[in-house]
């Protein structure tokens, strides 16, 4: 990902959900956080496709947690934000702030 590429809206939401879980987030936790924060449904497929895409861009990484009997012996991935991921999130936030400068009255409904 180059320094000028912008994140898509859902990519931003996924990165924010990971950032809110500094010890790493499991997909189910990330999905719940996004659904609660946006008040919209998130499909597992959309989340996993986005996580795969973000990993391919080097913006997230994951660790595989050992399987245990409480999960039926299945291992699970814990997702983490990388330094480039945090930088991309900061760039996207800065763009939104720049673009909304002077529009506060309209955006706040005053």
PDB file of N, CA and C in Angstrom:
ATOM      1  N   UNK A   1       0.860  -1.179   0.000  1.00  0.00           N
ATOM      2  CA  UNK A   1       0.000   0.000   0.000  1.00  0.00           C
ATOM      3  C   UNK A   1       0.897   1.230   0.000  1.00  0.00           C
ATOM      4  N   UNK A   2       0.677   2.117  -0.951  1.00  0.00           N
ATOM      5  CA  UNK A   2       1.498   3.323  -1.000  1.00  0.00           C
ATOM      6  C   UNK A   2       0.984   4.346   0.004  1.00  0.00           C
ATOM      7  N   UNK A   3       1.789   5.356   0.247  1.00  0.00           N
ATOM      8  CA  UNK A   3       1.434   6.380   1.214  1.00  0.00           C
ATOM      9  C   UNK A   3       0.242   7.225   0.804  1.00  0.00           C
ATOM     10  N   UNK A   4      -0.183   7.118  -0.468  1.00  0.00           N
ATOM     11  CA  UNK A   4      -1.308   7.931  -0.929  1.00  0.00           C
ATOM     12  C   UNK A   4      -2.594   7.126  -1.086  1.00  0.00           C
ATOM     13  N   UNK A   5      -2.528   5.822  -0.945  1.00  0.00           N
ATOM     14  CA  UNK A   5      -3.734   4.998  -1.045  1.00  0.00           C
ATOM     15  C   UNK A   5      -4.630   5.258   0.153  1.00  0.00           C
ATOM     16  N   UNK A   6      -5.917   5.384  -0.115  1.00  0.00           N
ATOM     17  CA  UNK A   6      -6.882   5.574   0.965  1.00  0.00           C
ATOM     18  C   UNK A   6      -7.581   4.260   1.271  1.00  0.00           C
ATOM     19  N   UNK A   7      -7.954   4.104   2.503  1.00  0.00           N
ATOM     20  CA  UNK A   7      -8.701   2.931   2.929  1.00  0.00           C
ATOM     21  C   UNK A   7     -10.166   3.090   2.560  1.00  0.00           C
ATOM     22  N   UNK A   8     -10.815   1.985   2.273  1.00  0.00           N
ATOM     23  CA  UNK A   8     -12.257   1.991   2.102  1.00  0.00           C
ATOM     24  C   UNK A   8     -12.920   2.105   3.468  1.00  0.00           C
ATOM     25  N   UNK A   9     -14.206   2.436   3.462  1.00  0.00           N
ATOM     26  CA  UNK A   9     -14.925   2.620   4.726  1.00  0.00           C
ATOM     27  C   UNK A   9     -14.876   1.367   5.595  1.00  0.00           C
ATOM     28  N   UNK A  10     -15.170   0.202   5.013  1.00  0.00           N
ATOM     29  CA  UNK A  10     -15.197  -1.018   5.819  1.00  0.00           C
ATOM     30  C   UNK A  10     -13.793  -1.393   6.287  1.00  0.00           C
ATOM     31  N   UNK A  11     -12.786  -1.139   5.455  1.00  0.00           N
ATOM     32  CA  UNK A  11     -11.404  -1.376   5.885  1.00  0.00           C
ATOM     33  C   UNK A  11     -11.080  -0.530   7.113  1.00  0.00           C
ATOM     34  N   UNK A  12     -11.504   0.731   7.095  1.00  0.00           N
ATOM     35  CA  UNK A  12     -11.280   1.597   8.257  1.00  0.00           C
ATOM     36  C   UNK A  12     -11.959   1.035   9.496  1.00  0.00           C
ATOM     37  N   UNK A  13     -13.188   0.573   9.345  1.00  0.00           N
ATOM     38  CA  UNK A  13     -13.928   0.030  10.486  1.00  0.00           C
ATOM     39  C   UNK A  13     -13.239  -1.207  11.052  1.00  0.00           C
ATOM     40  N   UNK A  14     -12.741  -2.069  10.181  1.00  0.00           N
ATOM     41  CA  UNK A  14     -12.040  -3.274  10.638  1.00  0.00           C
ATOM     42  C   UNK A  14     -10.763  -2.891  11.380  1.00  0.00           C
ATOM     43  N   UNK A  15      -9.995  -1.964  10.825  1.00  0.00           N
ATOM     44  CA  UNK A  15      -8.760  -1.534  11.494  1.00  0.00           C
ATOM     45  C   UNK A  15      -9.063  -0.869  12.833  1.00  0.00           C
ATOM     46  N   UNK A  16     -10.112  -0.077  12.896  1.00  0.00           N
ATOM     47  CA  UNK A  16     -10.494   0.550  14.167  1.00  0.00           C
ATOM     48  C   UNK A  16     -10.891  -0.498  15.204  1.00  0.00           C
ATOM     49  N   UNK A  17     -11.606  -1.525  14.770  1.00  0.00           N
ATOM     50  CA  UNK A  17     -12.002  -2.595  15.694  1.00  0.00           C
ATOM     51  C   UNK A  17     -10.776  -3.336  16.216  1.00  0.00           C
ATOM     52  N   UNK A  18      -9.795  -3.566  15.357  1.00  0.00           N
ATOM     53  CA  UNK A  18      -8.555  -4.218  15.804  1.00  0.00           C
ATOM     54  C   UNK A  18      -7.812  -3.306  16.766  1.00  0.00           C
ATOM     55  N   UNK A  19      -7.734  -2.023  16.439  1.00  0.00           N
ATOM     56  CA  UNK A  19      -7.039  -1.056  17.291  1.00  0.00           C
ATOM     57  C   UNK A  19      -7.668  -0.987  18.677  1.00  0.00           C
ATOM     58  N   UNK A  20      -8.972  -1.155  18.754  1.00  0.00           N
ATOM     59  CA  UNK A  20      -9.681  -1.105  20.036  1.00  0.00           C
ATOM     60  C   UNK A  20      -9.419  -2.350  20.891  1.00  0.00           C
ATOM     61  N   UNK A  21      -8.785  -3.356  20.308  1.00  0.00           N
ATOM     62  CA  UNK A  21      -8.432  -4.592  21.020  1.00  0.00           C
ATOM     63  C   UNK A  21      -6.919  -4.763  20.960  1.00  0.00           C
ATOM     64  N   UNK A  22      -6.167  -4.027  21.783  1.00  0.00           N
ATOM     65  CA  UNK A  22      -4.710  -3.990  21.663  1.00  0.00           C
ATOM     66  C   UNK A  22      -4.014  -5.343  21.834  1.00  0.00           C
ATOM     67  N   UNK A  23      -4.651  -6.288  22.501  1.00  0.00           N
ATOM     68  CA  UNK A  23      -4.056  -7.617  22.634  1.00  0.00           C
ATOM     69  C   UNK A  23      -4.360  -8.491  21.428  1.00  0.00           C
ATOM     70  N   UNK A  24      -5.022  -7.928  20.458  1.00  0.00           N
ATOM     71  CA  UNK A  24      -5.409  -8.673  19.273  1.00  0.00           C
ATOM     72  C   UNK A  24      -6.873  -9.018  19.326  1.00  0.00           C
ATOM     73  N   UNK A  25      -7.486  -9.039  18.183  1.00  0.00           N
ATOM     74  CA  UNK A  25      -8.915  -9.309  18.133  1.00  0.00           C
ATOM     75  C   UNK A  25      -9.224 -10.559  17.342  1.00  0.00           C
ATOM     76  N   UNK A  26     -10.125 -11.352  17.868  1.00  0.00           N
ATOM     77  CA  UNK A  26     -10.643 -12.495  17.125  1.00  0.00           C
ATOM     78  C   UNK A  26     -11.725 -11.984  16.187  1.00  0.00           C
ATOM     79  N   UNK A  27     -11.925 -12.667  15.084  1.00  0.00           N
ATOM     80  CA  UNK A  27     -12.898 -12.219  14.091  1.00  0.00           C
ATOM     81  C   UNK A  27     -14.280 -12.014  14.702  1.00  0.00           C
ATOM     82  N   UNK A  28     -14.693 -12.899  15.581  1.00  0.00           N
ATOM     83  CA  UNK A  28     -16.029 -12.770  16.176  1.00  0.00           C
ATOM     84  C   UNK A  28     -16.141 -11.506  17.028  1.00  0.00           C
ATOM     85  N   UNK A  29     -15.056 -11.143  17.710  1.00  0.00           N
ATOM     86  CA  UNK A  29     -15.034  -9.922  18.528  1.00  0.00           C
ATOM     87  C   UNK A  29     -15.047  -8.695  17.621  1.00  0.00           C
ATOM     88  N   UNK A  30     -14.272  -8.745  16.546  1.00  0.00           N
ATOM     89  CA  UNK A  30     -14.221  -7.629  15.601  1.00  0.00           C
ATOM     90  C   UNK A  30     -15.588  -7.423  14.949  1.00  0.00           C
ATOM     91  N   UNK A  31     -16.205  -8.515  14.543  1.00  0.00           N
ATOM     92  CA  UNK A  31     -17.525  -8.438  13.908  1.00  0.00           C
ATOM     93  C   UNK A  31     -18.547  -7.802  14.848  1.00  0.00           C
ATOM     94  N   UNK A  32     -18.546  -8.229  16.092  1.00  0.00           N
ATOM     95  CA  UNK A  32     -19.487  -7.682  17.074  1.00  0.00           C
ATOM     96  C   UNK A  32     -19.237  -6.189  17.294  1.00  0.00           C
ATOM     97  N   UNK A  33     -17.969  -5.795  17.394  1.00  0.00           N
ATOM     98  CA  UNK A  33     -17.632  -4.383  17.607  1.00  0.00           C
ATOM     99  C   UNK A  33     -18.111  -3.524  16.441  1.00  0.00           C
ATOM    100  N   UNK A  34     -17.917  -4.013  15.223  1.00  0.00           N
ATOM    101  CA  UNK A  34     -18.345  -3.253  14.046  1.00  0.00           C
ATOM    102  C   UNK A  34     -19.867  -3.174  13.993  1.00  0.00           C
ATOM    103  N   UNK A  35     -20.537  -4.282  14.258  1.00  0.00           N
ATOM    104  CA  UNK A  35     -22.004  -4.278  14.238  1.00  0.00           C
ATOM    105  C   UNK A  35     -22.572  -3.335  15.292  1.00  0.00           C
ATOM    106  N   UNK A  36     -21.993  -3.348  16.482  1.00  0.00           N
ATOM    107  CA  UNK A  36     -22.481  -2.457  17.541  1.00  0.00           C
ATOM    108  C   UNK A  36     -22.167  -0.999  17.235  1.00  0.00           C
ATOM    109  N   UNK A  37     -20.989  -0.741  16.685  1.00  0.00           N
ATOM    110  CA  UNK A  37     -20.585   0.633  16.402  1.00  0.00           C
ATOM    111  C   UNK A  37     -21.300   1.262  15.222  1.00  0.00           C
ATOM    112  N   UNK A  38     -21.701   0.433  14.264  1.00  0.00           N
ATOM    113  CA  UNK A  38     -22.337   0.959  13.051  1.00  0.00           C
ATOM    114  C   UNK A  38     -23.834   0.699  12.994  1.00  0.00           C
ATOM    115  N   UNK A  39     -24.312  -0.159  13.878  1.00  0.00           N
ATOM    116  CA  UNK A  39     -25.722  -0.567  13.881  1.00  0.00           C
ATOM    117  C   UNK A  39     -26.128  -1.163  12.538  1.00  0.00           C
ATOM    118  N   UNK A  40     -25.233  -1.958  11.974  1.00  0.00           N
ATOM    119  CA  UNK A  40     -25.544  -2.679  10.744  1.00  0.00           C
ATOM    120  C   UNK A  40     -24.960  -4.082  10.824  1.00  0.00           C
ATOM    121  N   UNK A  41     -25.537  -4.972  10.067  1.00  0.00           N
ATOM    122  CA  UNK A  41     -25.113  -6.365  10.064  1.00  0.00           C
ATOM    123  C   UNK A  41     -23.836  -6.526   9.238  1.00  0.00           C
ATOM    124  N   UNK A  42     -22.948  -7.385   9.715  1.00  0.00           N
ATOM    125  CA  UNK A  42     -21.693  -7.663   9.020  1.00  0.00           C
ATOM    126  C   UNK A  42     -21.620  -9.168   8.783  1.00  0.00           C
ATOM    127  N   UNK A  43     -21.482  -9.565   7.531  1.00  0.00           N
ATOM    128  CA  UNK A  43     -21.382 -10.995   7.241  1.00  0.00           C
ATOM    129  C   UNK A  43     -19.966 -11.487   7.532  1.00  0.00           C
ATOM    130  N   UNK A  44     -19.881 -12.756   7.894  1.00  0.00           N
ATOM    131  CA  UNK A  44     -18.563 -13.355   8.144  1.00  0.00           C
ATOM    132  C   UNK A  44     -17.702 -13.267   6.893  1.00  0.00           C
ATOM    133  N   UNK A  45     -18.317 -13.524   5.740  1.00  0.00           N
ATOM    134  CA  UNK A  45     -17.568 -13.496   4.491  1.00  0.00           C
ATOM    135  C   UNK A  45     -16.962 -12.136   4.204  1.00  0.00           C
ATOM    136  N   UNK A  46     -17.748 -11.080   4.402  1.00  0.00           N
ATOM    137  CA  UNK A  46     -17.238  -9.724   4.164  1.00  0.00           C
ATOM    138  C   UNK A  46     -16.086  -9.410   5.107  1.00  0.00           C
ATOM    139  N   UNK A  47     -16.222  -9.817   6.363  1.00  0.00           N
ATOM    140  CA  UNK A  47     -15.161  -9.554   7.333  1.00  0.00           C
ATOM    141  C   UNK A  47     -13.889 -10.308   6.966  1.00  0.00           C
ATOM    142  N   UNK A  48     -13.998 -11.608   6.678  1.00  0.00           N
ATOM    143  CA  UNK A  48     -12.806 -12.393   6.364  1.00  0.00           C
ATOM    144  C   UNK A  48     -12.154 -11.961   5.054  1.00  0.00           C
ATOM    145  N   UNK A  49     -12.945 -11.599   4.041  1.00  0.00           N
ATOM    146  CA  UNK A  49     -12.361 -11.089   2.793  1.00  0.00           C
ATOM    147  C   UNK A  49     -11.579  -9.807   3.056  1.00  0.00           C
ATOM    148  N   UNK A  50     -12.143  -8.943   3.893  1.00  0.00           N
ATOM    149  CA  UNK A  50     -11.469  -7.679   4.208  1.00  0.00           C
ATOM    150  C   UNK A  50     -10.207  -7.930   5.017  1.00  0.00           C
ATOM    151  N   UNK A  51     -10.271  -8.824   5.993  1.00  0.00           N
ATOM    152  CA  UNK A  51      -9.075  -9.158   6.775  1.00  0.00           C
ATOM    153  C   UNK A  51      -7.984  -9.735   5.872  1.00  0.00           C
ATOM    154  N   UNK A  52      -8.353 -10.604   4.929  1.00  0.00           N
ATOM    155  CA  UNK A  52      -7.376 -11.163   3.989  1.00  0.00           C
ATOM    156  C   UNK A  52      -6.761 -10.064   3.127  1.00  0.00           C
ATOM    157  N   UNK A  53      -7.600  -9.144   2.646  1.00  0.00           N
ATOM    158  CA  UNK A  53      -7.111  -8.042   1.810  1.00  0.00           C
ATOM    159  C   UNK A  53      -6.166  -7.147   2.605  1.00  0.00           C
ATOM    160  N   UNK A  54      -6.539  -6.828   3.853  1.00  0.00           N
ATOM    161  CA  UNK A  54      -5.689  -5.984   4.698  1.00  0.00           C
ATOM    162  C   UNK A  54      -4.373  -6.679   5.017  1.00  0.00           C
ATOM    163  N   UNK A  55      -4.421  -7.990   5.197  1.00  0.00           N
ATOM    164  CA  UNK A  55      -3.177  -8.734   5.424  1.00  0.00           C
ATOM    165  C   UNK A  55      -2.292  -8.669   4.180  1.00  0.00           C
ATOM    166  N   UNK A  56      -2.897  -8.827   3.013  1.00  0.00           N
ATOM    167  CA  UNK A  56      -2.154  -8.744   1.761  1.00  0.00           C
ATOM    168  C   UNK A  56      -1.496  -7.390   1.549  1.00  0.00           C
ATOM    169  N   UNK A  57      -2.109  -6.352   2.076  1.00  0.00           N
ATOM    170  CA  UNK A  57      -1.551  -4.998   1.989  1.00  0.00           C
ATOM    171  C   UNK A  57      -0.519  -4.739   3.085  1.00  0.00           C
ATOM    172  N   UNK A  58      -0.365  -5.694   4.000  1.00  0.00           N
ATOM    173  CA  UNK A  58       0.591  -5.523   5.100  1.00  0.00           C
ATOM    174  C   UNK A  58       0.069  -4.669   6.242  1.00  0.00           C
ATOM    175  N   UNK A  59      -1.249  -4.480   6.314  1.00  0.00           N
ATOM    176  CA  UNK A  59      -1.824  -3.596   7.328  1.00  0.00           C
ATOM    177  C   UNK A  59      -2.256  -4.338   8.587  1.00  0.00           C
ATOM    178  N   UNK A  60      -2.452  -5.644   8.466  1.00  0.00           N
ATOM    179  CA  UNK A  60      -2.751  -6.476   9.634  1.00  0.00           C
ATOM    180  C   UNK A  60      -1.901  -7.738   9.562  1.00  0.00           C
ATOM    181  N   UNK A  61      -1.723  -8.351  10.706  1.00  0.00           N
ATOM    182  CA  UNK A  61      -1.081  -9.663  10.792  1.00  0.00           C
ATOM    183  C   UNK A  61      -1.910 -10.479  11.763  1.00  0.00           C
ATOM    184  N   UNK A  62      -1.672 -11.755  11.791  1.00  0.00           N
ATOM    185  CA  UNK A  62      -2.414 -12.597  12.723  1.00  0.00           C
ATOM    186  C   UNK A  62      -1.509 -13.647  13.333  1.00  0.00           C
ATOM    187  N   UNK A  63      -1.895 -14.062  14.529  1.00  0.00           N
ATOM    188  CA  UNK A  63      -1.246 -15.164  15.232  1.00  0.00           C
ATOM    189  C   UNK A  63      -2.275 -16.272  15.344  1.00  0.00           C
ATOM    190  N   UNK A  64      -1.810 -17.493  15.245  1.00  0.00           N
ATOM    191  CA  UNK A  64      -2.704 -18.634  15.405  1.00  0.00           C
ATOM    192  C   UNK A  64      -2.649 -19.099  16.847  1.00  0.00           C
ATOM    193  N   UNK A  65      -3.797 -19.072  17.484  1.00  0.00           N
ATOM    194  CA  UNK A  65      -3.892 -19.512  18.873  1.00  0.00           C
ATOM    195  C   UNK A  65      -4.110 -21.020  18.885  1.00  0.00           C
ATOM    196  N   UNK A  66      -3.422 -21.673  19.785  1.00  0.00           N
ATOM    197  CA  UNK A  66      -3.539 -23.126  19.885  1.00  0.00           C
ATOM    198  C   UNK A  66      -4.986 -23.558  20.114  1.00  0.00           C
ATOM    199  N   UNK A  67      -5.304 -24.707  19.580  1.00  0.00           N
ATOM    200  CA  UNK A  67      -6.641 -25.271  19.761  1.00  0.00           C
ATOM    201  C   UNK A  67      -6.830 -25.710  21.204  1.00  0.00           C
ATOM    202  N   UNK A  68      -8.048 -25.589  21.673  1.00  0.00           N
ATOM    203  CA  UNK A  68      -8.377 -26.133  22.991  1.00  0.00           C
ATOM    204  C   UNK A  68      -9.751 -26.792  22.914  1.00  0.00           C
ATOM    205  N   UNK A  69     -10.077 -27.527  23.927  1.00  0.00           N
ATOM    206  CA  UNK A  69     -11.312 -28.310  23.894  1.00  0.00           C
ATOM    207  C   UNK A  69     -12.572 -27.452  23.935  1.00  0.00           C
ATOM    208  N   UNK A  70     -12.478 -26.221  24.462  1.00  0.00           N
ATOM    209  CA  UNK A  70     -13.672 -25.372  24.526  1.00  0.00           C
ATOM    210  C   UNK A  70     -14.128 -24.947  23.135  1.00  0.00           C
ATOM    211  N   UNK A  71     -13.229 -24.974  22.165  1.00  0.00           N
ATOM    212  CA  UNK A  71     -13.577 -24.610  20.788  1.00  0.00           C
ATOM    213  C   UNK A  71     -13.669 -25.846  19.900  1.00  0.00           C
ATOM    214  N   UNK A  72     -13.816 -26.993  20.495  1.00  0.00           N
ATOM    215  CA  UNK A  72     -13.921 -28.207  19.702  1.00  0.00           C
ATOM    216  C   UNK A  72     -12.613 -28.601  19.052  1.00  0.00           C
ATOM    217  N   UNK A  73     -11.507 -28.136  19.617  1.00  0.00           N
ATOM    218  CA  UNK A  73     -10.195 -28.483  19.089  1.00  0.00           C
ATOM    219  C   UNK A  73      -9.753 -27.653  17.906  1.00  0.00           C
ATOM    220  N   UNK A  74     -10.481 -26.596  17.586  1.00  0.00           N
ATOM    221  CA  UNK A  74     -10.132 -25.751  16.441  1.00  0.00           C
ATOM    222  C   UNK A  74      -9.273 -24.569  16.872  1.00  0.00           C
ATOM    223  N   UNK A  75      -8.156 -24.329  16.172  1.00  0.00           N
ATOM    224  CA  UNK A  75      -7.367 -23.131  16.474  1.00  0.00           C
ATOM    225  C   UNK A  75      -8.100 -21.893  15.960  1.00  0.00           C
ATOM    226  N   UNK A  76      -7.719 -20.725  16.437  1.00  0.00           N
ATOM    227  CA  UNK A  76      -8.332 -19.497  15.924  1.00  0.00           C
ATOM    228  C   UNK A  76      -7.275 -18.418  15.762  1.00  0.00           C
ATOM    229  N   UNK A  77      -7.579 -17.498  14.860  1.00  0.00           N
ATOM    230  CA  UNK A  77      -6.655 -16.408  14.551  1.00  0.00           C
ATOM    231  C   UNK A  77      -6.957 -15.204  15.428  1.00  0.00           C
ATOM    232  N   UNK A  78      -5.882 -14.567  15.879  1.00  0.00           N
ATOM    233  CA  UNK A  78      -5.986 -13.307  16.611  1.00  0.00           C
ATOM    234  C   UNK A  78      -5.317 -12.255  15.720  1.00  0.00           C
ATOM    235  N   UNK A  79      -6.079 -11.226  15.357  1.00  0.00           N
ATOM    236  CA  UNK A  79      -5.602 -10.219  14.413  1.00  0.00           C
ATOM    237  C   UNK A  79      -4.998  -9.023  15.143  1.00  0.00           C
ATOM    238  N   UNK A  80      -3.926  -8.476  14.543  1.00  0.00           N
ATOM    239  CA  UNK A  80      -3.201  -7.339  15.108  1.00  0.00           C
ATOM    240  C   UNK A  80      -2.980  -6.297  14.016  1.00  0.00           C
ATOM    241  N   UNK A  81      -2.983  -5.053  14.407  1.00  0.00           N
ATOM    242  CA  UNK A  81      -2.671  -3.947  13.508  1.00  0.00           C
ATOM    243  C   UNK A  81      -1.153  -3.842  13.386  1.00  0.00           C
ATOM    244  N   UNK A  82      -0.652  -3.679  12.175  1.00  0.00           N
ATOM    245  CA  UNK A  82       0.779  -3.465  11.966  1.00  0.00           C
ATOM    246  C   UNK A  82       1.070  -1.961  12.009  1.00  0.00           C
ATOM    247  N   UNK A  83       2.341  -1.602  12.055  1.00  0.00           N
ATOM    248  CA  UNK A  83       2.701  -0.179  12.007  1.00  0.00           C
ATOM    249  C   UNK A  83       2.191   0.481  10.724  1.00  0.00           C
ATOM    250  N   UNK A  84       2.356  -0.159   9.553  1.00  0.00           N
ATOM    251  CA  UNK A  84       1.772   0.437   8.346  1.00  0.00           C
ATOM    252  C   UNK A  84       0.244   0.537   8.414  1.00  0.00           C
ATOM    253  N   UNK A  85      -0.399  -0.393   9.102  1.00  0.00           N
ATOM    254  CA  UNK A  85      -1.850  -0.330   9.271  1.00  0.00           C
ATOM    255  C   UNK A  85      -2.265   0.878  10.081  1.00  0.00           C
ATOM    256  N   UNK A  86      -1.536   1.136  11.161  1.00  0.00           N
ATOM    257  CA  UNK A  86      -1.823   2.314  11.979  1.00  0.00           C
ATOM    258  C   UNK A  86      -1.569   3.588  11.181  1.00  0.00           C
ATOM    259  N   UNK A  87      -0.499   3.612  10.399  1.00  0.00           N
ATOM    260  CA  UNK A  87      -0.195   4.785   9.571  1.00  0.00           C
ATOM    261  C   UNK A  87      -1.303   5.022   8.540  1.00  0.00           C
ATOM    262  N   UNK A  88      -1.801   3.955   7.926  1.00  0.00           N
ATOM    263  CA  UNK A  88      -2.880   4.089   6.938  1.00  0.00           C
ATOM    264  C   UNK A  88      -4.149   4.616   7.592  1.00  0.00           C
ATOM    265  N   UNK A  89      -4.435   4.142   8.788  1.00  0.00           N
ATOM    266  CA  UNK A  89      -5.614   4.609   9.522  1.00  0.00           C
ATOM    267  C   UNK A  89      -5.474   6.086   9.872  1.00  0.00           C
ATOM    268  N   UNK A  90      -4.293   6.493  10.273  1.00  0.00           N
ATOM    269  CA  UNK A  90      -4.048   7.914  10.583  1.00  0.00           C
ATOM    270  C   UNK A  90      -4.209   8.781   9.337  1.00  0.00           C
ATOM    271  N   UNK A  91      -3.693   8.294   8.195  1.00  0.00           N
ATOM    272  CA  UNK A  91      -3.830   9.061   6.943  1.00  0.00           C
ATOM    273  C   UNK A  91      -5.298   9.223   6.567  1.00  0.00           C
ATOM    274  N   UNK A  92      -6.051   8.150   6.661  1.00  0.00           N
ATOM    275  CA  UNK A  92      -7.475   8.218   6.310  1.00  0.00           C
ATOM    276  C   UNK A  92      -8.225   9.175   7.221  1.00  0.00           C
ATOM    277  N   UNK A  93      -7.912   9.126   8.486  1.00  0.00           N
ATOM    278  CA  UNK A  93      -8.561  10.029   9.447  1.00  0.00           C
ATOM    279  C   UNK A  93      -8.221  11.483   9.125  1.00  0.00           C
ATOM    280  N   UNK A  94      -6.959  11.737   8.798  1.00  0.00           N
ATOM    281  CA  UNK A  94      -6.531  13.098   8.474  1.00  0.00           C
ATOM    282  C   UNK A  94      -7.250  13.619   7.229  1.00  0.00           C
ATOM    283  N   UNK A  95      -7.453  12.757   6.242  1.00  0.00           N
ATOM    284  CA  UNK A  95      -8.152  13.163   5.020  1.00  0.00           C
ATOM    285  C   UNK A  95      -9.593  13.553   5.339  1.00  0.00           C
ATOM    286  N   UNK A  96     -10.276  12.737   6.129  1.00  0.00           N
ATOM    287  CA  UNK A  96     -11.664  13.044   6.498  1.00  0.00           C
ATOM    288  C   UNK A  96     -11.724  14.358   7.270  1.00  0.00           C
ATOM    289  N   UNK A  97     -10.798  14.563   8.180  1.00  0.00           N
ATOM    290  CA  UNK A  97     -10.780  15.814   8.947  1.00  0.00           C
ATOM    291  C   UNK A  97     -10.534  17.008   8.037  1.00  0.00           C
ATOM    292  N   UNK A  98      -9.591  16.882   7.091  1.00  0.00           N
ATOM    293  CA  UNK A  98      -9.309  17.980   6.158  1.00  0.00           C
ATOM    294  C   UNK A  98     -10.521  18.289   5.292  1.00  0.00           C
ATOM    295  N   UNK A  99     -11.135  17.236   4.779  1.00  0.00           N
ATOM    296  CA  UNK A  99     -12.274  17.420   3.877  1.00  0.00           C
ATOM    297  C   UNK A  99     -13.486  18.001   4.595  1.00  0.00           C
ATOM    298  N   UNK A 100     -13.604  17.777   5.898  1.00  0.00           N
ATOM    299  CA  UNK A 100     -14.775  18.269   6.632  1.00  0.00           C
ATOM    300  C   UNK A 100     -14.536  19.616   7.313  1.00  0.00           C
ATOM    301  N   UNK A 101     -13.334  20.150   7.185  1.00  0.00           N
ATOM    302  CA  UNK A 101     -13.045  21.453   7.775  1.00  0.00           C
ATOM    303  C   UNK A 101     -13.962  22.516   7.167  1.00  0.00           C
ATOM    304  N   UNK A 102     -14.593  23.288   8.025  1.00  0.00           N
ATOM    305  CA  UNK A 102     -15.508  24.333   7.584  1.00  0.00           C
ATOM    306  C   UNK A 102     -16.934  23.849   7.372  1.00  0.00           C
ATOM    307  N   UNK A 103     -17.162  22.564   7.528  1.00  0.00           N
ATOM    308  CA  UNK A 103     -18.497  22.001   7.312  1.00  0.00           C
ATOM    309  C   UNK A 103     -19.158  21.575   8.615  1.00  0.00           C
ATOM    310  N   UNK A 104     -18.579  21.965   9.720  1.00  0.00           N
ATOM    311  CA  UNK A 104     -19.069  21.528  11.029  1.00  0.00           C
ATOM    312  C   UNK A 104     -20.541  21.863  11.239  1.00  0.00           C
ATOM    313  N   UNK A 105     -20.957  23.086  10.890  1.00  0.00           N
ATOM    314  CA  UNK A 105     -22.354  23.491  11.097  1.00  0.00           C
ATOM    315  C   UNK A 105     -23.314  22.600  10.314  1.00  0.00           C
ATOM    316  N   UNK A 106     -22.960  22.308   9.079  1.00  0.00           N
ATOM    317  CA  UNK A 106     -23.814  21.467   8.243  1.00  0.00           C
ATOM    318  C   UNK A 106     -23.828  20.037   8.777  1.00  0.00           C
ATOM    319  N   UNK A 107     -22.664  19.513   9.104  1.00  0.00           N
ATOM    320  CA  UNK A 107     -22.564  18.125   9.562  1.00  0.00           C
ATOM    321  C   UNK A 107     -23.190  17.912  10.931  1.00  0.00           C
ATOM    322  N   UNK A 108     -23.156  18.930  11.761  1.00  0.00           N
ATOM    323  CA  UNK A 108     -23.733  18.810  13.099  1.00  0.00           C
ATOM    324  C   UNK A 108     -25.212  19.183  13.118  1.00  0.00           C
ATOM    325  N   UNK A 109     -25.741  19.605  11.984  1.00  0.00           N
ATOM    326  CA  UNK A 109     -27.167  19.909  11.890  1.00  0.00           C
ATOM    327  C   UNK A 109     -27.566  21.253  12.459  1.00  0.00           C
ATOM    328  N   UNK A 110     -26.635  22.167  12.602  1.00  0.00           N
ATOM    329  CA  UNK A 110     -26.959  23.495  13.156  1.00  0.00           C
ATOM    330  C   UNK A 110     -27.504  24.416  12.092  1.00  0.00           C
TER     331      UNK A 110
END
